[in-house]
């Protein structure tokens, strides 16, 4: 509750009398207190609204960043799968090439037979 200085009460008391001064000062104090409470309530609501707006904006930014991270992760996973598929294809092509060389080259067949110990 707001309180007026005693000097204000003394001035009113000198001009209007003790009872009238008390009523006027009490009215002023009540009015000032009401205004302060109203101003505080409106300021508090404005601050809460601003905080809510900031939180909403932060949530939107976080959601956007999470979406980007999901896309990057999905892209990375796709790249890893493509790399594994490419590696498998390269192994298959390498084996086919080796078998083609072995089957079409008689010297290669002789070398393999000697290495494995089939021919003495």
C-alpha atoms as a PDB file:
ATOM      1  CA  UNK A   1       0.000   0.000   0.000  1.00  0.00           C
ATOM      2  CA  UNK A   2       1.256   3.456  -0.916  1.00  0.00           C
ATOM      3  CA  UNK A   3       1.788   5.943   1.920  1.00  0.00           C
ATOM      4  CA  UNK A   4       1.965   9.686   1.508  1.00  0.00           C
ATOM      5  CA  UNK A   5       4.660  11.580   3.430  1.00  0.00           C
ATOM      6  CA  UNK A   6       3.670  12.977   6.798  1.00  0.00           C
ATOM      7  CA  UNK A   7       4.360  16.518   5.548  1.00  0.00           C
ATOM      8  CA  UNK A   8       1.503  16.183   3.043  1.00  0.00           C
ATOM      9  CA  UNK A   9      -0.828  15.168   5.857  1.00  0.00           C
ATOM     10  CA  UNK A  10       0.315  18.162   7.932  1.00  0.00           C
ATOM     11  CA  UNK A  11      -0.426  20.584   5.072  1.00  0.00           C
ATOM     12  CA  UNK A  12      -3.915  19.149   4.612  1.00  0.00           C
ATOM     13  CA  UNK A  13      -4.452  19.147   8.370  1.00  0.00           C
ATOM     14  CA  UNK A  14      -3.500  22.849   8.610  1.00  0.00           C
ATOM     15  CA  UNK A  15      -5.849  23.827   5.768  1.00  0.00           C
ATOM     16  CA  UNK A  16      -8.784  21.399   6.229  1.00  0.00           C
ATOM     17  CA  UNK A  17      -8.669  20.009   9.741  1.00  0.00           C
ATOM     18  CA  UNK A  18      -7.584  16.695  11.151  1.00  0.00           C
ATOM     19  CA  UNK A  19     -10.552  14.507  10.085  1.00  0.00           C
ATOM     20  CA  UNK A  20     -10.867  15.945   6.566  1.00  0.00           C
ATOM     21  CA  UNK A  21      -7.099  15.643   6.068  1.00  0.00           C
ATOM     22  CA  UNK A  22      -7.212  12.017   7.211  1.00  0.00           C
ATOM     23  CA  UNK A  23     -10.031  11.206   4.747  1.00  0.00           C
ATOM     24  CA  UNK A  24      -8.287  12.961   1.837  1.00  0.00           C
ATOM     25  CA  UNK A  25      -4.896  11.358   2.534  1.00  0.00           C
ATOM     26  CA  UNK A  26      -6.544   7.950   2.904  1.00  0.00           C
ATOM     27  CA  UNK A  27      -8.333   8.495  -0.442  1.00  0.00           C
ATOM     28  CA  UNK A  28      -5.088   9.489  -2.142  1.00  0.00           C
ATOM     29  CA  UNK A  29      -3.301   6.470  -0.707  1.00  0.00           C
ATOM     30  CA  UNK A  30      -6.101   4.135  -1.846  1.00  0.00           C
ATOM     31  CA  UNK A  31      -6.163   5.664  -5.331  1.00  0.00           C
ATOM     32  CA  UNK A  32      -2.376   5.543  -5.698  1.00  0.00           C
ATOM     33  CA  UNK A  33      -2.273   1.953  -4.447  1.00  0.00           C
ATOM     34  CA  UNK A  34      -5.001   0.956  -6.915  1.00  0.00           C
ATOM     35  CA  UNK A  35      -3.162   2.625  -9.786  1.00  0.00           C
ATOM     36  CA  UNK A  36       0.099   0.950  -8.824  1.00  0.00           C
ATOM     37  CA  UNK A  37      -1.589  -2.457  -8.623  1.00  0.00           C
ATOM     38  CA  UNK A  38      -3.299  -1.943 -12.000  1.00  0.00           C
ATOM     39  CA  UNK A  39      -0.062  -0.797 -13.609  1.00  0.00           C
ATOM     40  CA  UNK A  40       1.822  -3.723 -12.107  1.00  0.00           C
ATOM     41  CA  UNK A  41      -0.808  -6.181 -13.338  1.00  0.00           C
ATOM     42  CA  UNK A  42      -0.744  -4.756 -16.863  1.00  0.00           C
ATOM     43  CA  UNK A  43       3.070  -4.657 -16.894  1.00  0.00           C
ATOM     44  CA  UNK A  44       3.191  -8.225 -15.614  1.00  0.00           C
ATOM     45  CA  UNK A  45       0.780  -9.344 -18.346  1.00  0.00           C
ATOM     46  CA  UNK A  46       2.804  -7.527 -21.004  1.00  0.00           C
ATOM     47  CA  UNK A  47       5.995  -9.184 -19.780  1.00  0.00           C
ATOM     48  CA  UNK A  48       4.333 -12.588 -19.746  1.00  0.00           C
ATOM     49  CA  UNK A  49       3.070 -12.027 -23.290  1.00  0.00           C
ATOM     50  CA  UNK A  50       6.569 -11.086 -24.451  1.00  0.00           C
ATOM     51  CA  UNK A  51       8.043 -14.152 -22.747  1.00  0.00           C
ATOM     52  CA  UNK A  52       5.416 -16.368 -24.374  1.00  0.00           C
ATOM     53  CA  UNK A  53       6.232 -14.871 -27.785  1.00  0.00           C
ATOM     54  CA  UNK A  54       9.950 -15.485 -27.240  1.00  0.00           C
ATOM     55  CA  UNK A  55       9.298 -19.070 -26.184  1.00  0.00           C
ATOM     56  CA  UNK A  56       7.122 -19.631 -29.256  1.00  0.00           C
ATOM     57  CA  UNK A  57       9.835 -18.224 -31.520  1.00  0.00           C
ATOM     58  CA  UNK A  58      12.459 -20.421 -29.838  1.00  0.00           C
ATOM     59  CA  UNK A  59      10.255 -23.486 -30.291  1.00  0.00           C
ATOM     60  CA  UNK A  60       9.877 -22.665 -33.983  1.00  0.00           C
ATOM     61  CA  UNK A  61      13.649 -22.270 -34.367  1.00  0.00           C
ATOM     62  CA  UNK A  62      14.268 -25.531 -32.544  1.00  0.00           C
ATOM     63  CA  UNK A  63      11.706 -27.326 -34.730  1.00  0.00           C
ATOM     64  CA  UNK A  64      13.360 -25.916 -37.844  1.00  0.00           C
ATOM     65  CA  UNK A  65      16.801 -27.045 -36.673  1.00  0.00           C
ATOM     66  CA  UNK A  66      15.467 -30.493 -35.806  1.00  0.00           C
ATOM     67  CA  UNK A  67      13.921 -30.787 -39.254  1.00  0.00           C
ATOM     68  CA  UNK A  68      17.238 -29.851 -40.835  1.00  0.00           C
ATOM     69  CA  UNK A  69      19.057 -32.375 -38.675  1.00  0.00           C
ATOM     70  CA  UNK A  70      16.554 -35.071 -39.654  1.00  0.00           C
ATOM     71  CA  UNK A  71      17.114 -34.279 -43.328  1.00  0.00           C
ATOM     72  CA  UNK A  72      20.894 -34.355 -42.886  1.00  0.00           C
ATOM     73  CA  UNK A  73      20.686 -37.654 -41.032  1.00  0.00           C
ATOM     74  CA  UNK A  74      18.427 -39.133 -43.703  1.00  0.00           C
ATOM     75  CA  UNK A  75      20.823 -37.935 -46.403  1.00  0.00           C
ATOM     76  CA  UNK A  76      23.786 -39.396 -44.531  1.00  0.00           C
ATOM     77  CA  UNK A  77      21.993 -42.717 -44.104  1.00  0.00           C
ATOM     78  CA  UNK A  78      21.106 -42.760 -47.810  1.00  0.00           C
ATOM     79  CA  UNK A  79      24.727 -42.053 -48.691  1.00  0.00           C
ATOM     80  CA  UNK A  80      25.931 -44.860 -46.449  1.00  0.00           C
ATOM     81  CA  UNK A  81      23.487 -47.304 -48.046  1.00  0.00           C
ATOM     82  CA  UNK A  82      24.544 -46.201 -51.512  1.00  0.00           C
ATOM     83  CA  UNK A  83      28.198 -46.616 -50.563  1.00  0.00           C
ATOM     84  CA  UNK A  84      27.573 -50.147 -49.271  1.00  0.00           C
ATOM     85  CA  UNK A  85      25.718 -51.022 -52.469  1.00  0.00           C
ATOM     86  CA  UNK A  86      28.575 -49.615 -54.560  1.00  0.00           C
ATOM     87  CA  UNK A  87      31.137 -51.594 -52.559  1.00  0.00           C
ATOM     88  CA  UNK A  88      29.132 -54.793 -53.108  1.00  0.00           C
ATOM     89  CA  UNK A  89      28.934 -54.137 -56.836  1.00  0.00           C
ATOM     90  CA  UNK A  90      32.669 -53.455 -57.026  1.00  0.00           C
ATOM     91  CA  UNK A  91      33.453 -56.755 -55.257  1.00  0.00           C
ATOM     92  CA  UNK A  92      31.174 -58.604 -57.662  1.00  0.00           C
ATOM     93  CA  UNK A  93      32.759 -56.931 -60.716  1.00  0.00           C
ATOM     94  CA  UNK A  94      36.238 -57.715 -59.376  1.00  0.00           C
ATOM     95  CA  UNK A  95      35.397 -61.389 -58.887  1.00  0.00           C
ATOM     96  CA  UNK A  96      33.804 -61.630 -62.343  1.00  0.00           C
ATOM     97  CA  UNK A  97      36.900 -60.033 -63.881  1.00  0.00           C
ATOM     98  CA  UNK A  98      39.248 -62.430 -62.065  1.00  0.00           C
ATOM     99  CA  UNK A  99      37.218 -65.484 -63.134  1.00  0.00           C
ATOM    100  CA  UNK A 100      37.052 -64.228 -66.713  1.00  0.00           C
ATOM    101  CA  UNK A 101      40.823 -63.807 -66.793  1.00  0.00           C
ATOM    102  CA  UNK A 102      41.387 -67.242 -65.281  1.00  0.00           C
ATOM    103  CA  UNK A 103      38.957 -69.029 -67.579  1.00  0.00           C
ATOM    104  CA  UNK A 104      40.196 -67.372 -70.769  1.00  0.00           C
ATOM    105  CA  UNK A 105      43.947 -67.538 -70.104  1.00  0.00           C
ATOM    106  CA  UNK A 106      45.573 -70.966 -70.144  1.00  0.00           C
ATOM    107  CA  UNK A 107      48.744 -69.699 -68.498  1.00  0.00           C
ATOM    108  CA  UNK A 108      46.673 -68.415 -65.615  1.00  0.00           C
ATOM    109  CA  UNK A 109      45.103 -71.860 -65.194  1.00  0.00           C
ATOM    110  CA  UNK A 110      48.579 -73.474 -65.119  1.00  0.00           C
ATOM    111  CA  UNK A 111      49.806 -70.914 -62.558  1.00  0.00           C
ATOM    112  CA  UNK A 112      46.831 -71.499 -60.307  1.00  0.00           C
ATOM    113  CA  UNK A 113      47.224 -75.263 -60.571  1.00  0.00           C
ATOM    114  CA  UNK A 114      50.912 -74.996 -59.614  1.00  0.00           C
ATOM    115  CA  UNK A 115      50.107 -72.634 -56.714  1.00  0.00           C
ATOM    116  CA  UNK A 116      47.446 -74.946 -55.365  1.00  0.00           C
ATOM    117  CA  UNK A 117      49.634 -78.041 -55.863  1.00  0.00           C
ATOM    118  CA  UNK A 118      47.497 -79.888 -58.364  1.00  0.00           C
ATOM    119  CA  UNK A 119      50.259 -80.276 -60.911  1.00  0.00           C
ATOM    120  CA  UNK A 120      53.769 -81.332 -60.063  1.00  0.00           C
END
